[in-house]
Amino acid sequence: MLMVNTDFVQGKTITQTLGVVKGNTIRAKWFGKDIMAGLRQIVGGELKEYTEMLTEARQESTQRMVEEAESLKADAIINVRFTTCQVMASAAEIMVYGTAVKLK
């Protein structure tokens, strides 16, 4: 599935707009990893446990969005955007959304 963060696809013509598609997930890390990240926060450095969590969440959310677009028989998703929010301590929601389109 072609995904772009622009409102067009270079060299292609959009023939039909199928609608907004989205994918989301809420992720939290295991308590032990949360403690490790907390300790690392004291001494500084990358919080690798959270980087990993957010990377996995982006991948899963993107896959869910693509599946929704495929169910509409879309050729591409344009205007792709990511949002995130903290829903509770150590848990974050990642949402990705865009517009499913048919291309010529």
C-alpha atoms as a PDB file:
ATOM      1  CA  MET A   1       0.000   0.000   0.000  1.00  0.00           C
ATOM      2  CA  LEU A   2       1.374   3.375  -1.002  1.00  0.00           C
ATOM      3  CA  MET A   3       1.259   5.914   1.843  1.00  0.00           C
ATOM      4  CA  VAL A   4       2.235   9.574   1.609  1.00  0.00           C
ATOM      5  CA  ASN A   5       1.919  12.566   3.907  1.00  0.00           C
ATOM      6  CA  THR A   6       1.002  14.863   1.016  1.00  0.00           C
ATOM      7  CA  ASP A   7      -2.410  15.430  -0.552  1.00  0.00           C
ATOM      8  CA  PHE A   8      -1.252  13.980  -3.885  1.00  0.00           C
ATOM      9  CA  VAL A   9       0.828  11.145  -5.282  1.00  0.00           C
ATOM     10  CA  GLN A  10       3.570  12.335  -7.616  1.00  0.00           C
ATOM     11  CA  GLY A  11       2.874  11.230 -11.188  1.00  0.00           C
ATOM     12  CA  LYS A  12      -0.575   9.788 -10.396  1.00  0.00           C
ATOM     13  CA  THR A  13      -4.115  11.086 -10.655  1.00  0.00           C
ATOM     14  CA  ILE A  14      -6.581  10.526  -7.841  1.00  0.00           C
ATOM     15  CA  THR A  15      -9.751   9.176  -9.421  1.00  0.00           C
ATOM     16  CA  GLN A  16     -11.808   8.541  -6.301  1.00  0.00           C
ATOM     17  CA  THR A  17     -11.685   9.462  -2.625  1.00  0.00           C
ATOM     18  CA  LEU A  18     -12.854   6.533  -0.514  1.00  0.00           C
ATOM     19  CA  GLY A  19     -12.792   8.202   2.888  1.00  0.00           C
ATOM     20  CA  VAL A  20     -10.764   8.523   6.060  1.00  0.00           C
ATOM     21  CA  VAL A  21      -9.056   5.374   7.318  1.00  0.00           C
ATOM     22  CA  LYS A  22      -7.399   4.956  10.696  1.00  0.00           C
ATOM     23  CA  GLY A  23      -5.617   2.567  12.981  1.00  0.00           C
ATOM     24  CA  ASN A  24      -4.809   2.847  16.641  1.00  0.00           C
ATOM     25  CA  THR A  25      -3.469   0.961  19.615  1.00  0.00           C
ATOM     26  CA  ILE A  26      -2.834   1.646  23.280  1.00  0.00           C
ATOM     27  CA  ARG A  27       0.382   0.194  24.641  1.00  0.00           C
ATOM     28  CA  ALA A  28       2.012  -0.133  28.036  1.00  0.00           C
ATOM     29  CA  LYS A  29       5.264  -1.699  29.109  1.00  0.00           C
ATOM     30  CA  TRP A  30       5.668  -4.496  31.620  1.00  0.00           C
ATOM     31  CA  PHE A  31       6.136  -3.164  35.168  1.00  0.00           C
ATOM     32  CA  GLY A  32       9.775  -4.320  35.367  1.00  0.00           C
ATOM     33  CA  LYS A  33      10.705  -2.424  32.214  1.00  0.00           C
ATOM     34  CA  ASP A  34       8.868   0.610  33.568  1.00  0.00           C
ATOM     35  CA  ILE A  35      11.121   0.531  36.650  1.00  0.00           C
ATOM     36  CA  MET A  36      14.234   0.247  34.439  1.00  0.00           C
ATOM     37  CA  ALA A  37      13.092   3.247  32.391  1.00  0.00           C
ATOM     38  CA  GLY A  38      12.458   5.199  35.601  1.00  0.00           C
ATOM     39  CA  LEU A  39      16.005   4.504  36.790  1.00  0.00           C
ATOM     40  CA  ARG A  40      17.418   5.533  33.425  1.00  0.00           C
ATOM     41  CA  GLN A  41      15.454   8.758  33.679  1.00  0.00           C
ATOM     42  CA  ILE A  42      17.456   9.628  36.807  1.00  0.00           C
ATOM     43  CA  VAL A  43      20.878   9.151  35.175  1.00  0.00           C
ATOM     44  CA  GLY A  44      19.875  10.331  31.702  1.00  0.00           C
ATOM     45  CA  GLY A  45      19.941   8.725  28.309  1.00  0.00           C
ATOM     46  CA  GLU A  46      17.451   7.216  25.912  1.00  0.00           C
ATOM     47  CA  LEU A  47      14.487   5.419  27.446  1.00  0.00           C
ATOM     48  CA  LYS A  48      14.870   2.433  25.138  1.00  0.00           C
ATOM     49  CA  GLU A  49      11.900   0.590  26.628  1.00  0.00           C
ATOM     50  CA  TYR A  50       9.587   3.443  25.620  1.00  0.00           C
ATOM     51  CA  THR A  51      11.224   3.908  22.223  1.00  0.00           C
ATOM     52  CA  GLU A  52      10.577   0.226  21.548  1.00  0.00           C
ATOM     53  CA  MET A  53       6.994   0.492  22.802  1.00  0.00           C
ATOM     54  CA  LEU A  54       6.187   3.464  20.569  1.00  0.00           C
ATOM     55  CA  THR A  55       7.865   1.910  17.528  1.00  0.00           C
ATOM     56  CA  GLU A  56       5.761  -1.238  17.953  1.00  0.00           C
ATOM     57  CA  ALA A  57       2.630   0.854  18.469  1.00  0.00           C
ATOM     58  CA  ARG A  58       3.260   2.865  15.277  1.00  0.00           C
ATOM     59  CA  GLN A  59       3.776  -0.333  13.289  1.00  0.00           C
ATOM     60  CA  GLU A  60       0.602  -1.937  14.632  1.00  0.00           C
ATOM     61  CA  SER A  61      -1.500   1.210  14.118  1.00  0.00           C
ATOM     62  CA  THR A  62      -0.196   1.606  10.574  1.00  0.00           C
ATOM     63  CA  GLN A  63      -0.996  -2.025   9.774  1.00  0.00           C
ATOM     64  CA  ARG A  64      -4.562  -1.566  11.039  1.00  0.00           C
ATOM     65  CA  MET A  65      -4.992   1.558   8.891  1.00  0.00           C
ATOM     66  CA  VAL A  66      -3.664  -0.265   5.819  1.00  0.00           C
ATOM     67  CA  GLU A  67      -6.043  -3.172   6.426  1.00  0.00           C
ATOM     68  CA  GLU A  68      -8.972  -0.756   6.567  1.00  0.00           C
ATOM     69  CA  ALA A  69      -7.831   0.883   3.305  1.00  0.00           C
ATOM     70  CA  GLU A  70      -7.410  -2.512   1.639  1.00  0.00           C
ATOM     71  CA  SER A  71     -10.958  -3.448   2.648  1.00  0.00           C
ATOM     72  CA  LEU A  72     -12.081  -0.387   0.656  1.00  0.00           C
ATOM     73  CA  LYS A  73      -9.938  -1.537  -2.317  1.00  0.00           C
ATOM     74  CA  ALA A  74      -7.780   1.598  -2.050  1.00  0.00           C
ATOM     75  CA  ASP A  75      -4.597   2.044  -4.067  1.00  0.00           C
ATOM     76  CA  ALA A  76      -3.033   4.554  -1.684  1.00  0.00           C
ATOM     77  CA  ILE A  77      -3.465   6.533   1.511  1.00  0.00           C
ATOM     78  CA  ILE A  78      -2.733  10.247   1.317  1.00  0.00           C
ATOM     79  CA  ASN A  79      -2.333  12.898   4.041  1.00  0.00           C
ATOM     80  CA  VAL A  80      -1.042  10.302   6.527  1.00  0.00           C
ATOM     81  CA  ARG A  81      -0.722  11.712  10.043  1.00  0.00           C
ATOM     82  CA  PHE A  82       0.237  10.277  13.438  1.00  0.00           C
ATOM     83  CA  THR A  83      -1.046  11.392  16.825  1.00  0.00           C
ATOM     84  CA  THR A  84      -0.196  10.221  20.303  1.00  0.00           C
ATOM     85  CA  CYS A  85      -1.531  10.798  23.771  1.00  0.00           C
ATOM     86  CA  GLN A  86      -0.914   9.444  27.236  1.00  0.00           C
ATOM     87  CA  VAL A  87      -4.001   7.630  28.501  1.00  0.00           C
ATOM     88  CA  MET A  88      -2.517   6.736  31.896  1.00  0.00           C
ATOM     89  CA  ALA A  89       0.930   6.500  33.478  1.00  0.00           C
ATOM     90  CA  SER A  90       3.149   4.310  31.268  1.00  0.00           C
ATOM     91  CA  ALA A  91       0.461   3.799  28.608  1.00  0.00           C
ATOM     92  CA  ALA A  92       0.182   5.682  25.326  1.00  0.00           C
ATOM     93  CA  GLU A  93      -2.216   5.634  22.412  1.00  0.00           C
ATOM     94  CA  ILE A  94      -0.861   5.960  18.906  1.00  0.00           C
ATOM     95  CA  MET A  95      -3.305   6.752  16.124  1.00  0.00           C
ATOM     96  CA  VAL A  96      -2.515   7.024  12.436  1.00  0.00           C
ATOM     97  CA  TYR A  97      -5.014   8.283   9.889  1.00  0.00           C
ATOM     98  CA  GLY A  98      -5.241   9.349   6.300  1.00  0.00           C
ATOM     99  CA  THR A  99      -7.481   9.429   3.245  1.00  0.00           C
ATOM    100  CA  ALA A 100      -7.904   6.257   1.195  1.00  0.00           C
ATOM    101  CA  VAL A 101      -7.938   6.895  -2.560  1.00  0.00           C
ATOM    102  CA  LYS A 102      -8.050   5.157  -5.924  1.00  0.00           C
ATOM    103  CA  LEU A 103      -5.376   6.119  -8.435  1.00  0.00           C
ATOM    104  CA  LYS A 104      -5.234   6.215 -12.218  1.00  0.00           C
END
